[in-house]
Amino acid sequence: MSTPTKVTAASALSVPHVATTFLYALGSDCPLCITELEPAVSDDSRKAFRELGKHDVTGWSVWGSSVVLSRFLAEQPQVVAGERVLELGAGCGLPRLLAAQRCSPAAVVLTDWHEATLSNLRANVTLNAASLGCPATVSAMDWDEPATWPGCPFPVVLGADLLYRRSYARKLAAVLAAVVQPGGVFVCATPAQREGLPTLQQALLAAGWACEVEMEAGEAWRANPLQGGDGAGRDAHFPELAMRSHDFALLLLVFRRPTELG
């Protein structure tokens, strides 16, 4: 079994953790360096899927949905080319950094809320700065505080695996109404099983948005994204990519906001 290229490194973050940097190739000869974090010790207070953003550590690692969103952007760069792009819940930043590297957007803004997640996100921008073709900035964004929403509205907003609770989906629908400009798009990747997906779909469709794309990730998009890794490495690092699609479907959706607001 081959081992994915990685480097374990120390970090200045105050939260006890282990930092590991992986090389994500995704079909390019210029891989992205993405540092991921994990708690140094088991601690219930730092488990993922916490209700408060300041406690949520889901952004400490790259999820299968982020890989799916990245592969979509690599195949459809025109979606973001020439546009200002905002990422909600950017986590480690893989899709947005890929867009900045290979899709020619005008600028990308990566947002999250957990302090350690933001620090790691800034570090990932710095790690890849030499290969990025546009400015990439990192901003704290509290979904409950409009004053923290930078540079809105945007023509393109991205998100990966944001719908694991109905309460998050309801908040997200309100945020999208403020951050997506009329005629703009929200591009998201999510497991089909997330409980918040029907809530978001119903809210957006009721507000006049159109779902222009709804597609399931096939085997090519589920392949191992790590340079130097194989199928076994994928199964260990991305169990949701390894699951058979009919057991754990991963969806890519594009919603377009109406040009004329009612």
Protein backbone atom coordinates (compact mmCIF):
# COMPACT_ATOMS: atom_id res chain seq x y z
CA MET A 1 0.00 0.00 0.00
CA SER A 2 1.40 3.40 -0.93
CA THR A 3 1.27 6.20 1.61
CA PRO A 4 -0.09 9.69 0.79
CA THR A 5 2.47 12.44 0.95
CA LYS A 6 2.20 14.22 4.27
CA VAL A 7 4.25 16.19 6.74
CA THR A 8 3.49 16.35 10.46
CA ALA A 9 4.32 19.78 11.82
CA ALA A 10 4.13 21.84 14.97
CA SER A 11 1.89 24.90 15.02
CA ALA A 12 1.48 28.10 16.98
CA LEU A 13 -2.25 27.53 17.57
CA SER A 14 -3.22 27.70 21.23
CA VAL A 15 -5.67 24.76 21.02
CA PRO A 16 -3.86 21.43 21.67
CA HIS A 17 -3.85 19.56 18.38
CA VAL A 18 -1.84 17.61 15.84
CA ALA A 19 -1.25 19.33 12.48
CA THR A 20 -0.59 17.27 9.35
CA THR A 21 -0.02 18.70 5.87
CA PHE A 22 -1.22 16.65 2.88
CA LEU A 23 -0.65 17.19 -0.83
CA TYR A 24 -3.89 17.23 -2.84
CA ALA A 25 -3.26 16.60 -6.53
CA LEU A 26 -6.80 16.46 -7.99
CA GLY A 27 -5.50 15.93 -11.50
CA SER A 28 -2.94 18.72 -11.43
CA ASP A 29 0.86 18.61 -11.53
CA CYS A 30 0.83 21.48 -9.00
CA PRO A 31 -0.67 19.96 -5.84
CA LEU A 32 -2.20 22.05 -3.09
CA CYS A 33 -0.67 21.87 0.39
CA ILE A 34 -3.50 21.52 2.90
CA THR A 35 -2.83 21.36 6.63
CA GLU A 36 -5.46 19.50 8.63
CA LEU A 37 -5.86 19.43 12.41
CA GLU A 38 -7.08 16.97 15.00
CA PRO A 39 -7.36 17.32 18.78
CA ALA A 40 -4.23 16.13 20.54
CA VAL A 41 -6.38 14.27 23.07
CA SER A 42 -9.94 13.00 23.13
CA ASP A 43 -12.12 15.80 24.48
CA ASP A 44 -15.92 15.91 24.28
CA SER A 45 -15.84 19.72 24.26
CA ARG A 46 -14.03 19.65 20.92
CA LYS A 47 -16.15 17.12 19.08
CA ALA A 48 -17.44 18.03 15.65
CA PHE A 49 -21.05 19.07 14.96
CA ARG A 50 -21.38 21.38 17.96
CA GLU A 51 -24.32 23.79 17.79
CA LEU A 52 -22.25 26.95 18.42
CA GLY A 53 -19.85 27.97 15.67
CA LYS A 54 -17.13 28.83 18.15
CA HIS A 55 -17.16 25.19 19.33
CA ASP A 56 -17.42 23.58 15.89
CA VAL A 57 -14.26 21.83 14.70
CA THR A 58 -15.67 20.30 11.52
CA GLY A 59 -13.36 22.66 9.62
CA TRP A 60 -10.25 21.00 11.03
CA SER A 61 -10.16 18.36 8.29
CA VAL A 62 -11.13 17.97 4.63
CA TRP A 63 -14.45 16.18 4.12
CA GLY A 64 -15.54 14.16 1.13
CA SER A 65 -17.96 16.90 0.09
CA SER A 66 -15.04 19.34 -0.22
CA VAL A 67 -13.32 16.91 -2.58
CA VAL A 68 -16.50 16.62 -4.66
CA LEU A 69 -16.87 20.41 -4.84
CA SER A 70 -13.20 20.74 -5.81
CA ARG A 71 -13.54 18.22 -8.61
CA PHE A 72 -16.63 20.01 -9.93
CA LEU A 73 -14.78 23.33 -10.03
CA ALA A 74 -11.79 21.74 -11.73
CA GLU A 75 -14.09 20.41 -14.47
CA GLN A 76 -16.32 23.52 -14.69
CA PRO A 77 -13.97 26.49 -14.10
CA GLN A 78 -16.32 28.84 -15.97
CA VAL A 79 -18.63 28.80 -12.94
CA VAL A 80 -16.20 31.03 -11.03
CA ALA A 81 -13.96 32.46 -13.78
CA GLY A 82 -13.75 36.25 -13.53
CA GLU A 83 -16.08 36.38 -10.53
CA ARG A 84 -15.74 37.35 -6.88
CA VAL A 85 -16.24 34.16 -4.89
CA LEU A 86 -17.27 33.72 -1.26
CA GLU A 87 -16.89 30.46 0.63
CA LEU A 88 -19.11 29.73 3.65
CA GLY A 89 -17.68 27.39 6.28
CA ALA A 90 -14.42 27.14 4.36
CA GLY A 91 -12.71 24.83 6.85
CA CYS A 92 -9.29 23.91 5.47
CA GLY A 93 -10.02 25.79 2.23
CA LEU A 94 -9.46 23.08 -0.40
CA PRO A 95 -12.18 24.00 -2.98
CA ARG A 96 -11.54 27.74 -2.80
CA LEU A 97 -7.78 27.38 -3.04
CA LEU A 98 -8.24 25.08 -6.03
CA ALA A 99 -10.49 27.71 -7.61
CA ALA A 100 -7.91 30.44 -6.94
CA GLN A 101 -5.17 28.26 -8.42
CA ARG A 102 -6.91 26.87 -11.51
CA CYS A 103 -10.22 28.64 -12.28
CA SER A 104 -9.23 32.35 -12.70
CA PRO A 105 -11.75 34.03 -10.35
CA ALA A 106 -11.36 37.75 -9.70
CA ALA A 107 -10.92 37.12 -5.96
CA VAL A 108 -11.86 34.58 -3.31
CA VAL A 109 -12.94 35.23 0.27
CA LEU A 110 -12.78 32.27 2.65
CA THR A 111 -14.88 32.45 5.81
CA ASP A 112 -15.37 30.42 8.96
CA TRP A 113 -15.82 31.16 12.66
CA HIS A 114 -13.87 28.83 14.94
CA GLU A 115 -10.63 30.62 15.93
CA ALA A 116 -8.31 27.67 15.34
CA THR A 117 -10.03 26.89 12.03
CA LEU A 118 -9.43 30.46 10.84
CA SER A 119 -5.78 30.36 11.90
CA ASN A 120 -5.25 27.11 10.01
CA LEU A 121 -7.12 28.50 7.00
CA ARG A 122 -4.80 31.51 6.88
CA ALA A 123 -1.83 29.18 7.10
CA ASN A 124 -3.14 27.17 4.14
CA VAL A 125 -3.53 30.34 2.07
CA THR A 126 0.08 31.23 2.89
CA LEU A 127 1.31 27.72 2.06
CA ASN A 128 -0.18 27.96 -1.44
CA ALA A 129 0.24 31.67 -2.12
CA ALA A 130 2.87 31.21 -4.84
CA SER A 131 0.53 29.10 -7.00
CA LEU A 132 -2.66 31.17 -6.60
CA GLY A 133 -3.79 33.25 -9.55
CA CYS A 134 -5.90 35.75 -7.60
CA PRO A 135 -6.15 37.33 -4.15
CA ALA A 136 -7.40 34.98 -1.42
CA THR A 137 -8.44 36.52 1.88
CA VAL A 138 -9.72 34.94 5.10
CA SER A 139 -12.47 36.51 7.21
CA ALA A 140 -14.35 35.56 10.36
CA MET A 141 -18.07 35.25 9.62
CA ASP A 142 -20.76 34.68 12.23
CA TRP A 143 -23.97 33.55 10.54
CA ASP A 144 -25.98 35.27 13.31
CA GLU A 145 -24.23 38.64 12.93
CA PRO A 146 -24.69 40.42 9.56
CA ALA A 147 -21.99 42.93 10.52
CA THR A 148 -19.42 40.15 10.06
CA TRP A 149 -20.46 39.36 6.46
CA PRO A 150 -17.66 40.81 4.25
CA GLY A 151 -18.09 42.42 0.84
CA CYS A 152 -21.63 41.22 0.19
CA PRO A 153 -23.30 40.39 -2.08
CA PHE A 154 -21.25 38.02 -4.27
CA PRO A 155 -22.06 36.54 -7.69
CA VAL A 156 -20.77 33.11 -6.61
CA VAL A 157 -21.02 31.54 -3.15
CA LEU A 158 -19.66 28.08 -2.37
CA GLY A 159 -20.24 25.64 0.48
CA ALA A 160 -19.42 22.03 1.34
CA ASP A 161 -21.25 19.87 3.89
CA LEU A 162 -23.09 22.69 5.65
CA LEU A 163 -26.44 20.92 6.11
CA TYR A 164 -25.96 18.35 8.84
CA ARG A 165 -28.66 19.97 10.98
CA ARG A 166 -32.02 21.54 10.10
CA SER A 167 -31.19 24.52 12.30
CA TYR A 168 -28.02 25.12 10.25
CA ALA A 169 -30.01 24.89 7.01
CA ARG A 170 -32.50 27.50 8.21
CA LYS A 171 -29.65 29.85 9.14
CA LEU A 172 -27.95 29.17 5.82
CA ALA A 173 -31.06 30.10 3.85
CA ALA A 174 -31.15 33.48 5.61
CA VAL A 175 -27.44 34.04 5.04
CA LEU A 176 -27.72 33.19 1.33
CA ALA A 177 -30.47 35.78 0.93
CA ALA A 178 -27.92 38.39 2.02
CA VAL A 179 -24.67 37.17 0.48
CA VAL A 180 -25.74 36.00 -3.01
CA GLN A 181 -26.46 38.81 -5.43
CA PRO A 182 -29.61 38.70 -7.63
CA GLY A 183 -28.88 36.32 -10.50
CA GLY A 184 -25.95 34.81 -8.61
CA VAL A 185 -25.39 31.18 -7.71
CA PHE A 186 -24.83 29.04 -4.64
CA VAL A 187 -22.78 25.95 -5.45
CA CYS A 188 -22.77 23.28 -2.76
CA ALA A 189 -21.73 19.70 -2.19
CA THR A 190 -23.39 17.60 0.49
CA PRO A 191 -24.19 14.04 1.46
CA ALA A 192 -27.75 13.32 0.36
CA GLN A 193 -28.52 12.01 3.84
CA ARG A 194 -27.92 15.32 5.67
CA GLU A 195 -31.10 16.24 7.52
CA GLY A 196 -30.87 19.91 6.55
CA LEU A 197 -30.87 19.34 2.78
CA PRO A 198 -34.68 19.21 2.31
CA THR A 199 -35.01 22.25 4.61
CA LEU A 200 -32.64 24.32 2.46
CA GLN A 201 -34.15 23.13 -0.82
CA GLN A 202 -37.66 24.03 0.31
CA ALA A 203 -36.60 27.46 1.58
CA LEU A 204 -34.72 28.41 -1.60
CA LEU A 205 -37.36 27.12 -3.99
CA ALA A 206 -40.08 28.95 -2.02
CA ALA A 207 -38.05 32.15 -2.43
CA GLY A 208 -37.91 31.71 -6.20
CA TRP A 209 -34.46 30.19 -6.57
CA ALA A 210 -33.95 27.59 -9.31
CA CYS A 211 -31.97 24.37 -8.87
CA GLU A 212 -29.97 24.32 -12.12
CA VAL A 213 -27.79 21.29 -11.32
CA GLU A 214 -28.33 18.28 -9.08
CA MET A 215 -25.89 15.47 -9.74
CA GLU A 216 -24.43 12.59 -7.80
CA ALA A 217 -20.67 12.14 -7.49
CA GLY A 218 -19.56 9.17 -9.55
CA GLU A 219 -16.57 6.93 -8.97
CA ALA A 220 -14.14 9.34 -10.66
CA TRP A 221 -15.02 12.09 -8.18
CA ARG A 222 -14.67 9.61 -5.31
CA ALA A 223 -11.12 8.64 -6.25
CA ASN A 224 -8.25 9.28 -3.86
CA PRO A 225 -7.33 13.01 -4.05
CA LEU A 226 -4.05 12.68 -2.13
CA GLN A 227 -0.79 12.67 -4.03
CA GLY A 228 1.02 9.38 -3.59
CA GLY A 229 -1.96 7.62 -2.06
CA ASP A 230 -4.04 4.68 -3.25
CA GLY A 231 -7.51 3.30 -2.63
CA ALA A 232 -6.64 2.09 0.84
CA GLY A 233 -5.35 5.54 1.73
CA ARG A 234 -8.60 7.05 0.51
CA ASP A 235 -10.63 4.61 2.59
CA ALA A 236 -8.73 5.59 5.74
CA HIS A 237 -8.74 9.35 5.20
CA PHE A 238 -12.12 9.78 3.46
CA PRO A 239 -14.49 6.99 4.51
CA GLU A 240 -17.44 8.85 2.98
CA LEU A 241 -15.73 8.73 -0.44
CA ALA A 242 -15.14 4.99 -0.05
CA MET A 243 -18.79 4.16 0.65
CA ARG A 244 -20.78 2.85 -2.30
CA SER A 245 -22.76 5.68 -3.83
CA HIS A 246 -26.19 4.13 -3.23
CA ASP A 247 -25.34 3.75 0.46
CA PHE A 248 -23.89 7.24 0.92
CA ALA A 249 -24.69 9.50 -2.03
CA LEU A 250 -22.67 12.69 -2.40
CA LEU A 251 -24.49 15.42 -4.29
CA LEU A 252 -23.37 18.52 -6.16
CA LEU A 253 -26.07 21.21 -6.46
CA VAL A 254 -26.18 24.64 -8.10
CA PHE A 255 -28.94 27.02 -7.02
CA ARG A 256 -29.50 30.30 -8.87
CA ARG A 257 -31.11 33.27 -7.21
CA PRO A 258 -33.77 35.06 -9.29
CA THR A 259 -32.67 38.26 -10.97
CA GLU A 260 -35.87 40.04 -10.00
CA LEU A 261 -36.60 39.88 -6.29
CA GLY A 262 -40.22 39.69 -5.21
